[in-house]
């Protein structure tokens, strides 16, 4: 599993590099705070919404601490997607939120 740290994600965003973030946390967690660029797809719905994603794009998965996003990475990799896990998740995120 490929991993990236929250600091590395923040650096990419600061440099205006294209990064496709998917937040797999639950609705109530996302309401508290979310990375502005992230698309919200709860982990429980990810399998049913995979058709919305493009296999030619690399996605970075985000959750609270890195566990659920790790499971999301495994699911998507098994279906041929290019995915990266943001280790530490929102617990370690120090960048801007909405």
PDB file of N, CA and C in Angstrom:
ATOM      1  N   UNK A   1       0.849  -1.184   0.000  1.00  0.00           N
ATOM      2  CA  UNK A   1       0.000   0.000   0.000  1.00  0.00           C
ATOM      3  C   UNK A   1       0.891   1.241   0.000  1.00  0.00           C
ATOM      4  N   UNK A   2       0.632   2.114  -0.933  1.00  0.00           N
ATOM      5  CA  UNK A   2       1.374   3.371  -1.002  1.00  0.00           C
ATOM      6  C   UNK A   2       0.778   4.328   0.029  1.00  0.00           C
ATOM      7  N   UNK A   3       1.656   5.036   0.754  1.00  0.00           N
ATOM      8  CA  UNK A   3       1.200   5.962   1.784  1.00  0.00           C
ATOM      9  C   UNK A   3       1.788   7.341   1.555  1.00  0.00           C
ATOM     10  N   UNK A   4       1.060   8.338   2.067  1.00  0.00           N
ATOM     11  CA  UNK A   4       1.491   9.728   2.018  1.00  0.00           C
ATOM     12  C   UNK A   4       1.128  10.342   3.365  1.00  0.00           C
ATOM     13  N   UNK A   5       1.916  11.286   3.827  1.00  0.00           N
ATOM     14  CA  UNK A   5       1.621  11.944   5.098  1.00  0.00           C
ATOM     15  C   UNK A   5       0.757  13.181   4.864  1.00  0.00           C
ATOM     16  N   UNK A   6       0.057  13.636   5.891  1.00  0.00           N
ATOM     17  CA  UNK A   6      -0.704  14.877   5.748  1.00  0.00           C
ATOM     18  C   UNK A   6       0.176  16.056   5.342  1.00  0.00           C
ATOM     19  N   UNK A   7       1.399  16.096   5.838  1.00  0.00           N
ATOM     20  CA  UNK A   7       2.310  17.195   5.474  1.00  0.00           C
ATOM     21  C   UNK A   7       2.615  17.159   3.979  1.00  0.00           C
ATOM     22  N   UNK A   8       2.835  15.963   3.433  1.00  0.00           N
ATOM     23  CA  UNK A   8       3.104  15.839   1.994  1.00  0.00           C
ATOM     24  C   UNK A   8       1.884  16.264   1.172  1.00  0.00           C
ATOM     25  N   UNK A   9       0.689  15.929   1.647  1.00  0.00           N
ATOM     26  CA  UNK A   9      -0.539  16.360   0.957  1.00  0.00           C
ATOM     27  C   UNK A   9      -0.629  17.880   0.985  1.00  0.00           C
ATOM     28  N   UNK A  10      -0.374  18.473   2.151  1.00  0.00           N
ATOM     29  CA  UNK A  10      -0.428  19.934   2.273  1.00  0.00           C
ATOM     30  C   UNK A  10       0.563  20.603   1.331  1.00  0.00           C
ATOM     31  N   UNK A  11       1.755  20.040   1.220  1.00  0.00           N
ATOM     32  CA  UNK A  11       2.773  20.606   0.325  1.00  0.00           C
ATOM     33  C   UNK A  11       2.310  20.555  -1.129  1.00  0.00           C
ATOM     34  N   UNK A  12       1.715  19.431  -1.529  1.00  0.00           N
ATOM     35  CA  UNK A  12       1.204  19.320  -2.902  1.00  0.00           C
ATOM     36  C   UNK A  12       0.123  20.365  -3.159  1.00  0.00           C
ATOM     37  N   UNK A  13      -0.779  20.548  -2.202  1.00  0.00           N
ATOM     38  CA  UNK A  13      -1.851  21.534  -2.369  1.00  0.00           C
ATOM     39  C   UNK A  13      -1.290  22.948  -2.438  1.00  0.00           C
ATOM     40  N   UNK A  14      -0.288  23.257  -1.605  1.00  0.00           N
ATOM     41  CA  UNK A  14       0.335  24.585  -1.619  1.00  0.00           C
ATOM     42  C   UNK A  14       0.998  24.871  -2.957  1.00  0.00           C
ATOM     43  N   UNK A  15       1.548  23.823  -3.593  1.00  0.00           N
ATOM     44  CA  UNK A  15       2.231  23.983  -4.878  1.00  0.00           C
ATOM     45  C   UNK A  15       1.264  23.842  -6.050  1.00  0.00           C
ATOM     46  N   UNK A  16      -0.042  23.815  -5.741  1.00  0.00           N
ATOM     47  CA  UNK A  16      -1.090  23.688  -6.754  1.00  0.00           C
ATOM     48  C   UNK A  16      -0.946  22.440  -7.606  1.00  0.00           C
ATOM     49  N   UNK A  17      -0.379  21.372  -7.032  1.00  0.00           N
ATOM     50  CA  UNK A  17      -0.312  20.097  -7.745  1.00  0.00           C
ATOM     51  C   UNK A  17      -1.683  19.438  -7.666  1.00  0.00           C
ATOM     52  N   UNK A  18      -2.046  18.756  -8.720  1.00  0.00           N
ATOM     53  CA  UNK A  18      -3.332  18.077  -8.750  1.00  0.00           C
ATOM     54  C   UNK A  18      -3.290  16.881  -7.806  1.00  0.00           C
ATOM     55  N   UNK A  19      -4.236  16.856  -6.883  1.00  0.00           N
ATOM     56  CA  UNK A  19      -4.360  15.729  -5.967  1.00  0.00           C
ATOM     57  C   UNK A  19      -5.853  15.482  -5.764  1.00  0.00           C
ATOM     58  N   UNK A  20      -6.263  14.258  -5.936  1.00  0.00           N
ATOM     59  CA  UNK A  20      -7.681  13.900  -5.830  1.00  0.00           C
ATOM     60  C   UNK A  20      -7.908  13.209  -4.493  1.00  0.00           C
ATOM     61  N   UNK A  21      -8.536  13.938  -3.580  1.00  0.00           N
ATOM     62  CA  UNK A  21      -8.759  13.438  -2.231  1.00  0.00           C
ATOM     63  C   UNK A  21     -10.172  12.887  -2.091  1.00  0.00           C
ATOM     64  N   UNK A  22     -10.293  11.733  -1.452  1.00  0.00           N
ATOM     65  CA  UNK A  22     -11.600  11.173  -1.125  1.00  0.00           C
ATOM     66  C   UNK A  22     -11.627  10.936   0.379  1.00  0.00           C
ATOM     67  N   UNK A  23     -12.559  11.584   1.044  1.00  0.00           N
ATOM     68  CA  UNK A  23     -12.735  11.451   2.494  1.00  0.00           C
ATOM     69  C   UNK A  23     -13.770  10.356   2.738  1.00  0.00           C
ATOM     70  N   UNK A  24     -13.358   9.278   3.412  1.00  0.00           N
ATOM     71  CA  UNK A  24     -14.248   8.138   3.614  1.00  0.00           C
ATOM     72  C   UNK A  24     -14.869   8.105   5.017  1.00  0.00           C
ATOM     73  N   UNK A  25     -14.785   9.210   5.740  1.00  0.00           N
ATOM     74  CA  UNK A  25     -15.375   9.272   7.078  1.00  0.00           C
ATOM     75  C   UNK A  25     -16.896   9.376   6.985  1.00  0.00           C
ATOM     76  N   UNK A  26     -17.543   9.260   8.133  1.00  0.00           N
ATOM     77  CA  UNK A  26     -18.996   9.359   8.204  1.00  0.00           C
ATOM     78  C   UNK A  26     -19.437  10.818   8.102  1.00  0.00           C
ATOM     79  N   UNK A  27     -20.709  11.020   7.806  1.00  0.00           N
ATOM     80  CA  UNK A  27     -21.269  12.357   7.577  1.00  0.00           C
ATOM     81  C   UNK A  27     -21.009  13.287   8.759  1.00  0.00           C
ATOM     82  N   UNK A  28     -21.250  12.820   9.986  1.00  0.00           N
ATOM     83  CA  UNK A  28     -21.070  13.687  11.152  1.00  0.00           C
ATOM     84  C   UNK A  28     -19.617  14.111  11.336  1.00  0.00           C
ATOM     85  N   UNK A  29     -18.671  13.251  10.973  1.00  0.00           N
ATOM     86  CA  UNK A  29     -17.251  13.600  11.072  1.00  0.00           C
ATOM     87  C   UNK A  29     -16.885  14.680  10.057  1.00  0.00           C
ATOM     88  N   UNK A  30     -17.413  14.542   8.862  1.00  0.00           N
ATOM     89  CA  UNK A  30     -17.106  15.494   7.786  1.00  0.00           C
ATOM     90  C   UNK A  30     -17.731  16.852   8.077  1.00  0.00           C
ATOM     91  N   UNK A  31     -18.898  16.855   8.747  1.00  0.00           N
ATOM     92  CA  UNK A  31     -19.542  18.123   9.101  1.00  0.00           C
ATOM     93  C   UNK A  31     -18.672  18.954  10.031  1.00  0.00           C
ATOM     94  N   UNK A  32     -17.894  18.279  10.890  1.00  0.00           N
ATOM     95  CA  UNK A  32     -17.021  18.992  11.826  1.00  0.00           C
ATOM     96  C   UNK A  32     -15.898  19.719  11.110  1.00  0.00           C
ATOM     97  N   UNK A  33     -15.239  19.024  10.185  1.00  0.00           N
ATOM     98  CA  UNK A  33     -14.162  19.634   9.396  1.00  0.00           C
ATOM     99  C   UNK A  33     -13.749  18.691   8.286  1.00  0.00           C
ATOM    100  N   UNK A  34     -13.390  19.281   7.155  1.00  0.00           N
ATOM    101  CA  UNK A  34     -13.028  18.518   5.965  1.00  0.00           C
ATOM    102  C   UNK A  34     -12.034  19.327   5.149  1.00  0.00           C
ATOM    103  N   UNK A  35     -11.124  18.639   4.501  1.00  0.00           N
ATOM    104  CA  UNK A  35     -10.215  19.310   3.567  1.00  0.00           C
ATOM    105  C   UNK A  35     -11.079  19.784   2.396  1.00  0.00           C
ATOM    106  N   UNK A  36     -10.980  21.049   2.061  1.00  0.00           N
ATOM    107  CA  UNK A  36     -11.877  21.657   1.068  1.00  0.00           C
ATOM    108  C   UNK A  36     -11.904  20.901  -0.257  1.00  0.00           C
ATOM    109  N   UNK A  37     -10.766  20.416  -0.714  1.00  0.00           N
ATOM    110  CA  UNK A  37     -10.691  19.771  -2.025  1.00  0.00           C
ATOM    111  C   UNK A  37     -11.216  18.333  -2.011  1.00  0.00           C
ATOM    112  N   UNK A  38     -11.491  17.782  -0.845  1.00  0.00           N
ATOM    113  CA  UNK A  38     -11.864  16.371  -0.745  1.00  0.00           C
ATOM    114  C   UNK A  38     -13.312  16.126  -1.159  1.00  0.00           C
ATOM    115  N   UNK A  39     -13.510  15.016  -1.853  1.00  0.00           N
ATOM    116  CA  UNK A  39     -14.848  14.509  -2.175  1.00  0.00           C
ATOM    117  C   UNK A  39     -15.237  13.596  -1.028  1.00  0.00           C
ATOM    118  N   UNK A  40     -16.466  13.687  -0.574  1.00  0.00           N
ATOM    119  CA  UNK A  40     -16.906  12.837   0.534  1.00  0.00           C
ATOM    120  C   UNK A  40     -17.662  11.617   0.007  1.00  0.00           C
ATOM    121  N   UNK A  41     -17.103  10.443   0.257  1.00  0.00           N
ATOM    122  CA  UNK A  41     -17.772   9.177  -0.032  1.00  0.00           C
ATOM    123  C   UNK A  41     -17.545   8.285   1.191  1.00  0.00           C
ATOM    124  N   UNK A  42     -18.543   8.128   2.063  1.00  0.00           N
ATOM    125  CA  UNK A  42     -18.355   7.282   3.247  1.00  0.00           C
ATOM    126  C   UNK A  42     -17.897   5.878   2.854  1.00  0.00           C
ATOM    127  N   UNK A  43     -17.040   5.293   3.680  1.00  0.00           N
ATOM    128  CA  UNK A  43     -16.484   3.976   3.378  1.00  0.00           C
ATOM    129  C   UNK A  43     -17.572   2.957   3.059  1.00  0.00           C
ATOM    130  N   UNK A  44     -18.676   2.992   3.797  1.00  0.00           N
ATOM    131  CA  UNK A  44     -19.753   2.036   3.573  1.00  0.00           C
ATOM    132  C   UNK A  44     -20.427   2.167   2.215  1.00  0.00           C
ATOM    133  N   UNK A  45     -20.267   3.311   1.559  1.00  0.00           N
ATOM    134  CA  UNK A  45     -20.877   3.533   0.242  1.00  0.00           C
ATOM    135  C   UNK A  45     -19.873   3.436  -0.906  1.00  0.00           C
ATOM    136  N   UNK A  46     -18.598   3.329  -0.572  1.00  0.00           N
ATOM    137  CA  UNK A  46     -17.551   3.374  -1.593  1.00  0.00           C
ATOM    138  C   UNK A  46     -17.734   2.293  -2.656  1.00  0.00           C
ATOM    139  N   UNK A  47     -18.052   1.084  -2.233  1.00  0.00           N
ATOM    140  CA  UNK A  47     -18.234  -0.011  -3.183  1.00  0.00           C
ATOM    141  C   UNK A  47     -19.342   0.294  -4.192  1.00  0.00           C
ATOM    142  N   UNK A  48     -20.369   1.003  -3.743  1.00  0.00           N
ATOM    143  CA  UNK A  48     -21.516   1.300  -4.600  1.00  0.00           C
ATOM    144  C   UNK A  48     -21.310   2.563  -5.445  1.00  0.00           C
ATOM    145  N   UNK A  49     -20.270   3.336  -5.135  1.00  0.00           N
ATOM    146  CA  UNK A  49     -20.017   4.569  -5.883  1.00  0.00           C
ATOM    147  C   UNK A  49     -18.726   4.523  -6.691  1.00  0.00           C
ATOM    148  N   UNK A  50     -18.094   3.349  -6.758  1.00  0.00           N
ATOM    149  CA  UNK A  50     -16.848   3.210  -7.525  1.00  0.00           C
ATOM    150  C   UNK A  50     -17.020   3.632  -8.975  1.00  0.00           C
ATOM    151  N   UNK A  51     -18.226   3.441  -9.514  1.00  0.00           N
ATOM    152  CA  UNK A  51     -18.466   3.785 -10.918  1.00  0.00           C
ATOM    153  C   UNK A  51     -18.282   5.287 -11.181  1.00  0.00           C
ATOM    154  N   UNK A  52     -18.287   6.100 -10.123  1.00  0.00           N
ATOM    155  CA  UNK A  52     -18.094   7.544 -10.265  1.00  0.00           C
ATOM    156  C   UNK A  52     -16.611   7.909 -10.406  1.00  0.00           C
ATOM    157  N   UNK A  53     -15.736   6.958 -10.132  1.00  0.00           N
ATOM    158  CA  UNK A  53     -14.301   7.222 -10.133  1.00  0.00           C
ATOM    159  C   UNK A  53     -13.667   6.785 -11.450  1.00  0.00           C
ATOM    160  N   UNK A  54     -12.514   7.369 -11.756  1.00  0.00           N
ATOM    161  CA  UNK A  54     -11.791   7.118 -13.001  1.00  0.00           C
ATOM    162  C   UNK A  54     -10.522   6.318 -12.687  1.00  0.00           C
ATOM    163  N   UNK A  55     -10.356   5.174 -13.310  1.00  0.00           N
ATOM    164  CA  UNK A  55      -9.194   4.329 -13.047  1.00  0.00           C
ATOM    165  C   UNK A  55      -7.886   4.937 -13.559  1.00  0.00           C
ATOM    166  N   UNK A  56      -7.957   5.996 -14.341  1.00  0.00           N
ATOM    167  CA  UNK A  56      -6.760   6.660 -14.840  1.00  0.00           C
ATOM    168  C   UNK A  56      -6.256   7.745 -13.883  1.00  0.00           C
ATOM    169  N   UNK A  57      -7.006   8.002 -12.815  1.00  0.00           N
ATOM    170  CA  UNK A  57      -6.667   9.047 -11.847  1.00  0.00           C
ATOM    171  C   UNK A  57      -6.206   8.389 -10.557  1.00  0.00           C
ATOM    172  N   UNK A  58      -5.174   8.963  -9.936  1.00  0.00           N
ATOM    173  CA  UNK A  58      -4.737   8.478  -8.622  1.00  0.00           C
ATOM    174  C   UNK A  58      -5.526   9.220  -7.542  1.00  0.00           C
ATOM    175  N   UNK A  59      -6.090   8.466  -6.605  1.00  0.00           N
ATOM    176  CA  UNK A  59      -6.872   9.030  -5.514  1.00  0.00           C
ATOM    177  C   UNK A  59      -6.131   8.856  -4.197  1.00  0.00           C
ATOM    178  N   UNK A  60      -6.213   9.876  -3.371  1.00  0.00           N
ATOM    179  CA  UNK A  60      -5.657   9.810  -2.023  1.00  0.00           C
ATOM    180  C   UNK A  60      -6.822   9.699  -1.052  1.00  0.00           C
ATOM    181  N   UNK A  61      -6.814   8.630  -0.263  1.00  0.00           N
ATOM    182  CA  UNK A  61      -7.910   8.345   0.651  1.00  0.00           C
ATOM    183  C   UNK A  61      -7.614   8.945   2.021  1.00  0.00           C
ATOM    184  N   UNK A  62      -8.655   9.534   2.631  1.00  0.00           N
ATOM    185  CA  UNK A  62      -8.525  10.229   3.913  1.00  0.00           C
ATOM    186  C   UNK A  62      -9.603   9.731   4.876  1.00  0.00           C
ATOM    187  N   UNK A  63      -9.223   9.529   6.132  1.00  0.00           N
ATOM    188  CA  UNK A  63     -10.207   9.256   7.184  1.00  0.00           C
ATOM    189  C   UNK A  63      -9.725   9.943   8.463  1.00  0.00           C
ATOM    190  N   UNK A  64     -10.190   9.492   9.614  1.00  0.00           N
ATOM    191  CA  UNK A  64      -9.803  10.130  10.875  1.00  0.00           C
ATOM    192  C   UNK A  64      -8.342   9.852  11.214  1.00  0.00           C
ATOM    193  N   UNK A  65      -7.927   8.566  11.122  1.00  0.00           N
ATOM    194  CA  UNK A  65      -6.572   8.223  11.562  1.00  0.00           C
ATOM    195  C   UNK A  65      -5.763   7.414  10.551  1.00  0.00           C
ATOM    196  N   UNK A  66      -6.395   6.914   9.505  1.00  0.00           N
ATOM    197  CA  UNK A  66      -5.689   6.143   8.488  1.00  0.00           C
ATOM    198  C   UNK A  66      -6.164   4.703   8.365  1.00  0.00           C
ATOM    199  N   UNK A  67      -6.974   4.229   9.300  1.00  0.00           N
ATOM    200  CA  UNK A  67      -7.465   2.850   9.257  1.00  0.00           C
ATOM    201  C   UNK A  67      -8.523   2.614   8.202  1.00  0.00           C
ATOM    202  N   UNK A  68      -9.585   3.407   8.233  1.00  0.00           N
ATOM    203  CA  UNK A  68     -10.650   3.249   7.229  1.00  0.00           C
ATOM    204  C   UNK A  68     -10.149   3.579   5.839  1.00  0.00           C
ATOM    205  N   UNK A  69      -9.302   4.592   5.742  1.00  0.00           N
ATOM    206  CA  UNK A  69      -8.766   4.932   4.418  1.00  0.00           C
ATOM    207  C   UNK A  69      -7.890   3.793   3.907  1.00  0.00           C
ATOM    208  N   UNK A  70      -7.217   3.082   4.811  1.00  0.00           N
ATOM    209  CA  UNK A  70      -6.440   1.905   4.408  1.00  0.00           C
ATOM    210  C   UNK A  70      -7.335   0.814   3.843  1.00  0.00           C
ATOM    211  N   UNK A  71      -8.498   0.609   4.473  1.00  0.00           N
ATOM    212  CA  UNK A  71      -9.448  -0.380   3.948  1.00  0.00           C
ATOM    213  C   UNK A  71      -9.994   0.069   2.601  1.00  0.00           C
ATOM    214  N   UNK A  72     -10.213   1.378   2.457  1.00  0.00           N
ATOM    215  CA  UNK A  72     -10.689   1.914   1.175  1.00  0.00           C
ATOM    216  C   UNK A  72      -9.649   1.692   0.083  1.00  0.00           C
ATOM    217  N   UNK A  73      -8.377   1.882   0.425  1.00  0.00           N
ATOM    218  CA  UNK A  73      -7.295   1.645  -0.534  1.00  0.00           C
ATOM    219  C   UNK A  73      -7.316   0.183  -0.985  1.00  0.00           C
ATOM    220  N   UNK A  74      -7.437  -0.748  -0.049  1.00  0.00           N
ATOM    221  CA  UNK A  74      -7.463  -2.173  -0.393  1.00  0.00           C
ATOM    222  C   UNK A  74      -8.634  -2.498  -1.311  1.00  0.00           C
ATOM    223  N   UNK A  75      -9.802  -1.952  -1.008  1.00  0.00           N
ATOM    224  CA  UNK A  75     -10.991  -2.191  -1.832  1.00  0.00           C
ATOM    225  C   UNK A  75     -10.776  -1.677  -3.252  1.00  0.00           C
ATOM    226  N   UNK A  76     -10.328  -0.432  -3.369  1.00  0.00           N
ATOM    227  CA  UNK A  76     -10.159   0.166  -4.700  1.00  0.00           C
ATOM    228  C   UNK A  76      -9.022  -0.485  -5.479  1.00  0.00           C
ATOM    229  N   UNK A  77      -7.931  -0.819  -4.792  1.00  0.00           N
ATOM    230  CA  UNK A  77      -6.830  -1.507  -5.480  1.00  0.00           C
ATOM    231  C   UNK A  77      -7.303  -2.840  -6.055  1.00  0.00           C
ATOM    232  N   UNK A  78      -8.153  -3.535  -5.323  1.00  0.00           N
ATOM    233  CA  UNK A  78      -8.671  -4.823  -5.780  1.00  0.00           C
ATOM    234  C   UNK A  78      -9.517  -4.683  -7.042  1.00  0.00           C
ATOM    235  N   UNK A  79     -10.007  -3.456  -7.298  1.00  0.00           N
ATOM    236  CA  UNK A  79     -10.813  -3.197  -8.493  1.00  0.00           C
ATOM    237  C   UNK A  79     -10.033  -2.417  -9.551  1.00  0.00           C
ATOM    238  N   UNK A  80      -8.712  -2.345  -9.390  1.00  0.00           N
ATOM    239  CA  UNK A  80      -7.875  -1.766 -10.435  1.00  0.00           C
ATOM    240  C   UNK A  80      -7.647  -0.272 -10.358  1.00  0.00           C
ATOM    241  N   UNK A  81      -7.963   0.353  -9.234  1.00  0.00           N
ATOM    242  CA  UNK A  81      -7.745   1.792  -9.086  1.00  0.00           C
ATOM    243  C   UNK A  81      -6.350   2.083  -8.540  1.00  0.00           C
ATOM    244  N   UNK A  82      -5.844   3.285  -8.850  1.00  0.00           N
ATOM    245  CA  UNK A  82      -4.580   3.765  -8.306  1.00  0.00           C
ATOM    246  C   UNK A  82      -4.919   4.605  -7.073  1.00  0.00           C
ATOM    247  N   UNK A  83      -4.491   4.141  -5.905  1.00  0.00           N
ATOM    248  CA  UNK A  83      -4.864   4.825  -4.663  1.00  0.00           C
ATOM    249  C   UNK A  83      -3.697   4.895  -3.690  1.00  0.00           C
ATOM    250  N   UNK A  84      -3.762   5.917  -2.838  1.00  0.00           N
ATOM    251  CA  UNK A  84      -2.746   6.191  -1.827  1.00  0.00           C
ATOM    252  C   UNK A  84      -3.471   6.430  -0.508  1.00  0.00           C
ATOM    253  N   UNK A  85      -2.890   5.971   0.585  1.00  0.00           N
ATOM    254  CA  UNK A  85      -3.483   6.173   1.902  1.00  0.00           C
ATOM    255  C   UNK A  85      -2.789   7.329   2.615  1.00  0.00           C
ATOM    256  N   UNK A  86      -3.565   8.316   3.083  1.00  0.00           N
ATOM    257  CA  UNK A  86      -3.006   9.398   3.887  1.00  0.00           C
ATOM    258  C   UNK A  86      -2.930   8.910   5.329  1.00  0.00           C
ATOM    259  N   UNK A  87      -1.731   8.494   5.748  1.00  0.00           N
ATOM    260  CA  UNK A  87      -1.531   7.959   7.093  1.00  0.00           C
ATOM    261  C   UNK A  87      -1.670   9.072   8.131  1.00  0.00           C
ATOM    262  N   UNK A  88      -2.267   8.733   9.255  1.00  0.00           N
ATOM    263  CA  UNK A  88      -2.487   9.732  10.294  1.00  0.00           C
ATOM    264  C   UNK A  88      -3.799  10.465  10.133  1.00  0.00           C
ATOM    265  N   UNK A  89      -4.334  10.472   8.916  1.00  0.00           N
ATOM    266  CA  UNK A  89      -5.637  11.051   8.629  1.00  0.00           C
ATOM    267  C   UNK A  89      -5.834  12.467   9.135  1.00  0.00           C
ATOM    268  N   UNK A  90      -7.088  12.775   9.411  1.00  0.00           N
ATOM    269  CA  UNK A  90      -7.438  14.122   9.863  1.00  0.00           C
ATOM    270  C   UNK A  90      -6.888  14.413  11.265  1.00  0.00           C
ATOM    271  N   UNK A  91      -6.576  13.374  12.031  1.00  0.00           N
ATOM    272  CA  UNK A  91      -5.954  13.594  13.349  1.00  0.00           C
ATOM    273  C   UNK A  91      -4.631  14.339  13.214  1.00  0.00           C
ATOM    274  N   UNK A  92      -3.902  14.081  12.121  1.00  0.00           N
ATOM    275  CA  UNK A  92      -2.601  14.704  11.904  1.00  0.00           C
ATOM    276  C   UNK A  92      -2.655  15.879  10.921  1.00  0.00           C
ATOM    277  N   UNK A  93      -3.829  16.194  10.396  1.00  0.00           N
ATOM    278  CA  UNK A  93      -3.971  17.260   9.412  1.00  0.00           C
ATOM    279  C   UNK A  93      -3.868  18.622  10.101  1.00  0.00           C
ATOM    280  N   UNK A  94      -2.988  19.478   9.614  1.00  0.00           N
ATOM    281  CA  UNK A  94      -2.830  20.818  10.170  1.00  0.00           C
ATOM    282  C   UNK A  94      -3.122  21.903   9.147  1.00  0.00           C
ATOM    283  N   UNK A  95      -3.536  21.502   7.957  1.00  0.00           N
ATOM    284  CA  UNK A  95      -3.820  22.449   6.892  1.00  0.00           C
ATOM    285  C   UNK A  95      -5.218  23.036   7.014  1.00  0.00           C
ATOM    286  N   UNK A  96      -5.596  23.846   6.040  1.00  0.00           N
ATOM    287  CA  UNK A  96      -6.917  24.491   6.060  1.00  0.00           C
ATOM    288  C   UNK A  96      -8.042  23.464   5.923  1.00  0.00           C
ATOM    289  N   UNK A  97      -9.166  23.785   6.535  1.00  0.00           N
ATOM    290  CA  UNK A  97     -10.360  22.942   6.477  1.00  0.00           C
ATOM    291  C   UNK A  97     -11.574  23.812   6.221  1.00  0.00           C
ATOM    292  N   UNK A  98     -12.650  23.150   5.842  1.00  0.00           N
ATOM    293  CA  UNK A  98     -13.914  23.887   5.703  1.00  0.00           C
ATOM    294  C   UNK A  98     -14.925  23.283   6.658  1.00  0.00           C
TER     295      UNK A  98
END
